[in-house]
Structure formats: structure tokens, C-alpha cells
Protein backbone atom coordinates (compact mmCIF):
# COMPACT_ATOMS: atom_id res chain seq x y z
CA UNK A 1 21.29 0.38 16.44
CA UNK A 2 19.64 -2.96 17.17
CA UNK A 3 15.91 -3.26 17.33
CA UNK A 4 14.05 -5.91 19.32
CA UNK A 5 11.08 -7.83 18.00
CA UNK A 6 8.81 -10.33 19.68
CA UNK A 7 9.98 -13.85 18.99
CA UNK A 8 6.61 -14.85 17.64
CA UNK A 9 6.96 -12.27 14.89
CA UNK A 10 10.63 -13.04 14.34
CA UNK A 11 9.79 -16.64 13.59
CA UNK A 12 6.81 -15.69 11.46
CA UNK A 13 4.51 -18.06 13.32
CA UNK A 14 1.88 -15.65 14.54
CA UNK A 15 -1.62 -16.32 13.37
CA UNK A 16 -3.15 -14.12 10.71
CA UNK A 17 -5.34 -11.51 12.26
CA UNK A 18 -7.97 -9.10 11.10
CA UNK A 19 -8.49 -6.29 13.58
CA UNK A 20 -10.69 -3.29 12.86
CA UNK A 21 -9.53 0.28 13.14
CA UNK A 22 -12.49 1.06 15.36
CA UNK A 23 -14.18 4.41 15.03
CA UNK A 24 -14.15 4.96 18.76
CA UNK A 25 -13.58 8.27 20.47
CA UNK A 26 -10.23 9.74 19.48
CA UNK A 27 -8.12 12.24 21.37
CA UNK A 28 -7.15 15.71 20.18
CA UNK A 29 -3.59 17.00 19.74
CA UNK A 30 -1.96 18.50 22.84
CA UNK A 31 -0.39 21.22 20.71
CA UNK A 32 -0.61 22.42 17.11
CA UNK A 33 1.23 24.90 14.91
CA UNK A 34 0.34 26.26 11.50
CA UNK A 35 3.13 25.79 8.93
CA UNK A 36 1.18 26.78 5.81
CA UNK A 37 -1.92 28.89 5.19
CA UNK A 38 -3.43 27.33 2.09
CA UNK A 39 -2.34 23.72 2.58
CA UNK A 40 0.35 21.27 1.51
CA UNK A 41 1.22 19.09 -1.45
CA UNK A 42 3.73 17.04 0.57
CA UNK A 43 5.30 16.80 4.02
CA UNK A 44 7.77 14.68 5.99
CA UNK A 45 9.03 14.55 9.57
CA UNK A 46 12.48 13.56 10.75
CA UNK A 47 12.54 10.13 12.39
CA UNK A 48 12.38 11.65 15.89
CA UNK A 49 9.85 14.34 14.96
CA UNK A 50 12.24 17.21 15.70
CA UNK A 51 12.18 18.66 12.18
CA UNK A 52 9.72 18.95 9.31
CA UNK A 53 9.99 19.56 5.59
CA UNK A 54 6.89 20.68 3.73
CA UNK A 55 5.88 21.43 0.18
CA UNK A 56 3.34 24.21 0.49
CA UNK A 57 0.68 25.07 -2.08
CA UNK A 58 1.43 28.77 -1.56
CA UNK A 59 5.18 29.13 -0.96
CA UNK A 60 6.95 25.94 -2.07
CA UNK A 61 9.43 24.14 0.14
CA UNK A 62 10.47 25.01 3.70
CA UNK A 63 12.39 23.31 6.52
CA UNK A 64 11.16 23.73 10.11
CA UNK A 65 12.46 23.14 13.63
CA UNK A 66 9.45 21.80 15.51
CA UNK A 67 10.47 22.55 19.11
CA UNK A 68 10.21 26.27 18.44
CA UNK A 69 8.05 26.13 15.27
CA UNK A 70 10.69 28.07 13.38
CA UNK A 71 10.98 28.12 9.62
CA UNK A 72 14.72 27.67 9.18
CA UNK A 73 15.08 27.54 5.38
CA UNK A 74 13.03 28.14 2.24
CA UNK A 75 13.88 25.59 -0.45
CA UNK A 76 12.80 25.95 -4.08
CA UNK A 77 14.37 24.68 -7.29
CA UNK A 78 14.73 27.95 -9.19
CA UNK A 79 15.16 31.60 -8.18
CA UNK A 80 12.04 33.72 -7.80
CA UNK A 81 9.62 30.81 -8.00
CA UNK A 82 7.74 28.51 -5.65
CA UNK A 83 8.31 24.90 -6.69
CA UNK A 84 5.41 22.44 -6.53
CA UNK A 85 6.90 19.60 -4.50
CA UNK A 86 5.26 16.16 -4.55
CA UNK A 87 8.16 14.28 -2.94
CA UNK A 88 10.14 15.31 0.16
CA UNK A 89 12.24 13.45 2.72
CA UNK A 90 14.72 13.88 5.60
CA UNK A 91 17.39 11.19 5.86
CA UNK A 92 17.58 9.00 9.02
CA UNK A 93 20.56 10.97 10.36
CA UNK A 94 18.68 14.26 9.98
CA UNK A 95 21.69 15.85 8.25
CA UNK A 96 20.28 15.87 4.72
CA UNK A 97 16.93 16.38 3.04
CA UNK A 98 15.63 16.03 -0.50
CA UNK A 99 12.91 17.75 -2.48
CA UNK A 100 11.35 16.55 -5.71
CA UNK A 101 9.10 18.47 -8.07
CA UNK A 102 8.34 17.82 -11.72
CA UNK A 103 11.55 16.25 -13.04
CA UNK A 104 13.99 17.96 -10.68
CA UNK A 105 15.54 16.41 -7.57
CA UNK A 106 17.57 18.44 -5.06
CA UNK A 107 19.64 17.35 -2.04
CA UNK A 108 19.96 19.87 0.82
CA UNK A 109 22.19 20.21 3.88
CA UNK A 110 19.90 20.73 6.89
CA UNK A 111 22.62 22.55 8.85
CA UNK A 112 23.63 25.16 6.28
CA UNK A 113 20.48 25.13 4.15
CA UNK A 114 22.60 24.92 1.01
CA UNK A 115 22.04 22.64 -1.96
CA UNK A 116 24.40 19.66 -2.26
CA UNK A 117 23.19 18.42 -5.63
CA UNK A 118 20.65 19.09 -8.37
CA UNK A 119 19.53 16.30 -10.71
CA UNK A 120 17.03 15.70 -13.50
CA UNK A 121 14.81 12.62 -13.40
CA UNK A 122 13.45 10.70 -16.44
CA UNK A 123 9.87 11.03 -15.22
CA UNK A 124 7.75 13.22 -12.97
CA UNK A 125 8.46 12.61 -9.28
CA UNK A 126 5.62 11.14 -7.20
CA UNK A 127 7.48 10.12 -4.03
CA UNK A 128 11.00 9.76 -2.67
CA UNK A 129 12.99 8.35 0.25
CA UNK A 130 16.62 8.84 1.35
CA UNK A 131 19.09 6.35 2.83
CA UNK A 132 21.40 7.12 5.76
CA UNK A 133 23.36 10.38 5.41
CA UNK A 134 21.47 11.17 2.20
CA UNK A 135 23.77 8.99 0.11
CA UNK A 136 21.04 7.54 -2.13
CA UNK A 137 17.42 8.31 -3.01
CA UNK A 138 14.71 5.91 -4.12
CA UNK A 139 12.36 7.94 -6.31
CA UNK A 140 8.92 6.87 -7.54
CA UNK A 141 8.09 8.22 -11.00
CA UNK A 142 5.19 8.39 -13.42
CA UNK A 143 7.19 6.56 -16.13
CA UNK A 144 6.34 3.14 -14.60
CA UNK A 145 9.61 2.94 -12.69
CA UNK A 146 11.30 3.75 -9.45
CA UNK A 147 14.91 4.90 -9.81
CA UNK A 148 17.65 4.48 -7.23
CA UNK A 149 19.79 7.62 -7.48
CA UNK A 150 23.29 8.26 -6.22
CA UNK A 151 22.06 11.66 -5.13
CA UNK A 152 25.47 12.91 -4.00
CA UNK A 153 27.63 11.81 -6.91
CA UNK A 154 25.03 11.53 -9.66
CA UNK A 155 23.85 8.57 -11.70
CA UNK A 156 21.19 5.89 -11.40
CA UNK A 157 22.21 2.72 -9.54
CA UNK A 158 19.03 0.72 -10.20
CA UNK A 159 15.91 1.02 -12.33
CA UNK A 160 12.94 -0.81 -10.83
CA UNK A 161 10.27 -1.48 -13.46
CA UNK A 162 6.69 -1.85 -12.23
CA UNK A 163 4.56 -1.35 -15.40
CA UNK A 164 2.64 1.46 -13.66
CA UNK A 165 3.07 4.84 -11.96
CA UNK A 166 4.87 4.44 -8.63
CA UNK A 167 2.95 6.45 -6.01
CA UNK A 168 4.77 5.40 -2.83
CA UNK A 169 8.28 4.24 -1.93
CA UNK A 170 10.44 3.46 1.07
CA UNK A 171 14.00 2.22 1.53
CA UNK A 172 15.96 0.95 4.52
CA UNK A 173 18.59 3.30 5.91
CA UNK A 174 21.38 0.92 4.77
CA UNK A 175 19.99 0.82 1.24
CA UNK A 176 19.61 -2.97 1.14
CA UNK A 177 15.83 -3.17 0.72
CA UNK A 178 13.36 -0.98 -1.11
CA UNK A 179 9.58 -1.10 -1.44
CA UNK A 180 7.26 0.39 -4.04
CA UNK A 181 3.50 0.83 -4.32
CA UNK A 182 1.98 1.39 -7.76
CA UNK A 183 -1.27 2.06 -9.60
CA UNK A 184 -1.62 -1.62 -10.56
CA UNK A 185 -2.36 -2.48 -6.90
CA UNK A 186 1.07 -4.05 -6.34
CA UNK A 187 3.36 -3.69 -3.35
CA UNK A 188 6.82 -4.91 -4.39
CA UNK A 189 9.84 -5.59 -2.20
CA UNK A 190 13.19 -5.10 -3.98
CA UNK A 191 16.78 -6.14 -3.43
CA UNK A 192 18.44 -2.76 -3.97
CA UNK A 193 21.86 -4.26 -4.59
CA UNK A 194 20.69 -6.30 -7.58
CA UNK A 195 17.49 -4.51 -8.59
CA UNK A 196 15.62 -7.83 -8.43
CA UNK A 197 12.16 -8.42 -6.96
CA UNK A 198 12.09 -10.34 -3.70
CA UNK A 199 8.32 -10.45 -3.17
CA UNK A 200 5.22 -9.02 -4.83
CA UNK A 201 2.04 -8.56 -2.82
CA UNK A 202 -1.24 -7.63 -4.59
CA UNK A 203 -3.86 -5.54 -2.81
CA UNK A 204 -7.36 -4.61 -3.98
CA UNK A 205 -6.77 -1.12 -5.40
CA UNK A 206 -4.05 1.35 -6.38
CA UNK A 207 -1.50 1.64 -3.59
CA UNK A 208 -1.73 4.69 -1.32
CA UNK A 209 1.15 4.10 1.11
CA UNK A 210 4.05 1.76 1.90
CA UNK A 211 6.59 1.56 4.71
CA UNK A 212 9.54 -0.54 5.87
CA UNK A 213 10.56 -1.03 9.48
CA UNK A 214 13.89 0.54 10.43
CA UNK A 215 15.63 -2.84 10.55
CA UNK A 216 14.01 -3.99 7.30
CA UNK A 217 12.20 -6.99 8.84
CA UNK A 218 8.65 -5.84 8.16
CA UNK A 219 6.81 -4.22 5.30
CA UNK A 220 3.50 -2.36 5.24
CA UNK A 221 1.23 -1.53 2.32
CA UNK A 222 -2.24 0.01 1.99
CA UNK A 223 -4.58 0.40 -0.97
CA UNK A 224 -6.73 3.41 -1.72
CA UNK A 225 -10.15 2.78 -0.14
CA UNK A 226 -8.97 -0.80 0.28
CA UNK A 227 -7.09 -3.27 2.43
CA UNK A 228 -3.85 -2.88 4.38
CA UNK A 229 -1.35 -5.52 5.49
CA UNK A 230 1.98 -6.14 7.20
CA UNK A 231 4.35 -8.79 5.82
CA UNK A 232 7.64 -10.41 6.82
CA UNK A 233 10.39 -9.32 4.42
CA UNK A 234 12.32 -12.50 5.20
CA UNK A 235 9.62 -15.02 4.28
CA UNK A 236 7.11 -12.92 2.35
CA UNK A 237 4.42 -14.21 4.73
CA UNK A 238 1.45 -12.03 5.62
CA UNK A 239 1.63 -11.31 9.34
CA UNK A 240 -1.15 -8.85 10.07
CA UNK A 241 -4.24 -7.83 8.13
CA UNK A 242 -5.80 -4.53 9.12
CA UNK A 243 -9.50 -4.20 8.39
CA UNK A 244 -9.92 -0.60 7.22
CA UNK A 245 -13.64 -0.91 6.56
CA UNK A 246 -15.25 -2.30 9.70
CA UNK A 247 -17.95 -0.14 11.31
CA UNK A 248 -17.66 2.37 8.45
CA UNK A 249 -19.64 3.01 5.32
CA UNK A 250 -16.64 2.24 3.13
CA UNK A 251 -12.96 1.46 3.45
CA UNK A 252 -10.73 4.29 4.61
CA UNK A 253 -7.48 5.10 2.81
CA UNK A 254 -4.34 4.95 4.95
CA UNK A 255 -2.25 7.76 3.53
CA UNK A 256 0.85 7.38 5.73
CA UNK A 257 2.54 4.79 7.96
CA UNK A 258 5.60 4.75 10.23
CA UNK A 259 6.98 1.82 12.23
CA UNK A 260 8.39 2.42 15.70
CA UNK A 261 12.11 1.88 16.21
CA UNK A 262 11.49 -1.35 18.13
CA UNK A 263 9.00 -2.71 15.53
CA UNK A 264 6.31 -3.23 18.15
CA UNK A 265 3.91 -0.59 16.86
CA UNK A 266 3.07 1.30 13.72
CA UNK A 267 1.48 4.73 13.33
CA UNK A 268 -1.19 4.85 10.64
CA UNK A 269 -2.59 8.10 9.25
CA UNK A 270 -5.81 8.29 7.26
CA UNK A 271 -7.11 10.69 4.62
CA UNK A 272 -9.85 11.51 7.15
CA UNK A 273 -7.30 12.98 9.59
CA UNK A 274 -7.40 10.02 11.99
CA UNK A 275 -4.07 8.76 13.42
CA UNK A 276 -3.93 5.30 15.01
CA UNK A 277 -1.20 3.62 17.02
CA UNK A 278 -1.45 -0.06 16.13
CA UNK A 279 0.31 -3.09 17.60
CA UNK A 280 2.27 -4.81 14.83
CA UNK A 281 1.87 -8.37 16.13
CA UNK A 282 -1.92 -8.30 16.54
CA UNK A 283 -3.29 -5.27 14.71
CA UNK A 284 -4.83 -4.00 17.95
CA UNK A 285 -5.46 -0.27 18.02
CA UNK A 286 -3.72 1.07 21.13
CA UNK A 287 -4.63 4.73 20.81
CA UNK A 288 -6.30 7.13 18.36
CA UNK A 289 -6.19 10.85 17.66
CA UNK A 290 -7.78 13.24 15.19
CA UNK A 291 -5.54 15.93 13.73
CA UNK A 292 -6.76 19.51 13.93
CA UNK A 293 -9.37 20.39 11.30
CA UNK A 294 -9.31 24.19 11.64
CA UNK A 295 -9.03 25.97 8.31
CA UNK A 296 -8.94 22.72 6.36
CA UNK A 297 -9.22 24.01 2.81
CA UNK A 298 -8.47 22.80 -0.68
CA UNK A 299 -6.62 19.63 0.30
CA UNK A 300 -8.57 18.88 3.46
CA UNK A 301 -6.68 17.36 6.36
CA UNK A 302 -5.30 14.06 5.14
CA UNK A 303 -2.34 12.85 7.19
CA UNK A 304 0.84 13.45 5.15
CA UNK A 305 3.60 12.74 7.69
CA UNK A 306 4.08 10.78 10.93
CA UNK A 307 6.86 10.27 13.47
CA UNK A 308 7.43 8.51 16.78
CA UNK A 309 8.94 10.89 19.33
CA UNK A 310 10.19 10.14 22.82
CA UNK A 311 8.19 9.67 26.05
CA UNK A 312 5.03 8.46 24.28
CA UNK A 313 4.86 11.56 22.11
CA UNK A 314 3.97 11.39 18.44
CA UNK A 315 3.90 13.86 15.56
CA UNK A 316 1.61 14.25 12.56
CA UNK A 317 1.30 16.79 9.76
CA UNK A 318 -2.02 17.26 7.98
CA UNK A 319 -2.48 18.46 4.44
CA UNK A 320 -4.17 21.59 5.82
CA UNK A 321 -0.73 22.79 6.94
CA UNK A 322 -0.82 22.01 10.67
CA UNK A 323 1.79 20.24 12.77
CA UNK A 324 0.08 18.15 15.47
CA UNK A 325 1.73 16.98 18.70
CA UNK A 326 0.03 13.82 20.03
CA UNK A 327 0.31 12.16 23.44
């Protein structure tokens, strides 16, 4: 599917910009649903927001259909136990999902709920992302690498060495580009066919979140309590700088990001529970919401997952276990 991008961005000639995520009045969700009682370690939404996969503190992994708030499957890595999952993803087709906990990585069929593969990783899993149809998984580990797994057939295609724990990863659906964020404050863009670095972008603290646009033209990275930027993956040029500290006592950590399918906007979720819809070309905040805070417990209500739905509808999952529908 082709995506359209403003010509000014395409040519990389837009001026650098620094636009504040203003702490203006934010809207509330139009609907919420509780998916976990005690909170979540991890969560992800399908690209269209129709499904969710969570790693609950209390009952491990589960796959949900959001239209009816139905728990379809319970997914854990061993019988009679609840696996602590720190990495979860649903592939762009929505047909496969993956769960990662400790040093175990499992691929699941979202139609049957059955496991399609179980693998052991060389380090503890921190984050993961699937390519189209769940063919490959880019997995961030605590052994100073990200590994590119053939998650259906087995084996490691690429080992990406970063010299630090990899906290955040993303990969394009075609598997051509990957991005990592590590504890040495580096956002690195990788050629997944060769395993070579294309660009390395330093920020001012350990990296909290990264994202690639669906067509692979733009990259996003944010530091913990630090700065956040959007770059061109073709030129490596910084396109947009987002000021996460203006009008606030200190910088806010952006915990999650998701580009729209047409690359015009990006959803940004904060550890404070704020969700912002931001214009990619200018950094202008178009709309803001606060996710539901009710029963926010051990893990608070940091935004763990985001998705662009249809008809100006958006989805967010907070670490307190609530699905939020935003309009």
C-alpha cells in the first residue's frame, strides 16, 4: 500500500522546528475497558486498533478483540504458570503475534490461538517487533545486542551490536530497515539485509521509545526525561524536534509512538498518561487526551500502546490495564 507524504518532507527541505507539547486542556477517552486488574508489564495494539495483546502483572499474556472487549486467548510460555512478558507484538497483517519473556520467544497464530514456534534467545528480552506475516522478529536484548530472528523457521539472521542494553526496537513490515534505542542514548538505524548501521543519532539520555513510519521514510526516537526527534531515513537529516520540556517542571518521557499510515501525523504517549496527536512536518500538537487514571496502581498509567483507527478514532493502552478509545 502506498503512503503519501508532503513534498516538503519528501525532499527533506523543511526547516528544523521546535514545538512544545503544550500542557493545555486534554480530552478524556470516549470509552474505556479494563483488561487487567493489577496492571501491565507490556502491551501492543494491532495497526488498526482492532486487537490487543497484553502482558499482565497478574495473569501473564492474553489476546483481546477490542470491539467487544473479549479475551480470546491466554498465552503463557509454560503450563500452569503466568509468564512475565516484557516484549509483545502483533504483526502488520494481524495474523500473527509474538510474546517475549526472560529468554523465551513464542510466535502465535491469532486465529487459532496456537503456538507456531518457541525459541530461546541469548539474552533477556526487553522489546520486540514483527515483520509482515510474522516472518521475522527484531528483538532487543540485555546482552548489548538486538537479534533479527527467523521466528518461523528458527535461526538468527542478523546480530546488531550496540554496546548497551537495547530497550526499544522497530522494524519495517518488509524487513528492510530496523531501528534500535539503547541505554547509551543512541538511536541507530540499521540495514536489516546486511546488518550494517545506516545512521546513528545521539539523544541526551537513555532511549525510551523508537518508531519507524510504515513506509520506512521517517524515524522517531525519544530519550527518558529528555529530547525527542524525527529524522529522514533517506538522508539522516533531523526533520522535527519536539520540545518535551516546555511549560513543565522537567522533561516528560515519551513512552510510545506510532506514525499514521500516511506519515502526516504521529501519536505520542507519555509516562504521565498524556496522548498527543502531532503533525510530523511541523511538530504542531493537533489534539491531546489523558488516558483513564482510575485504579492506577503499581505501574501507574504510562502509555504502553498506541494505534490509529479509522474515522479519526485512536486507541491507547495504559500500564494500569485500561484500553482507551480516543476521538
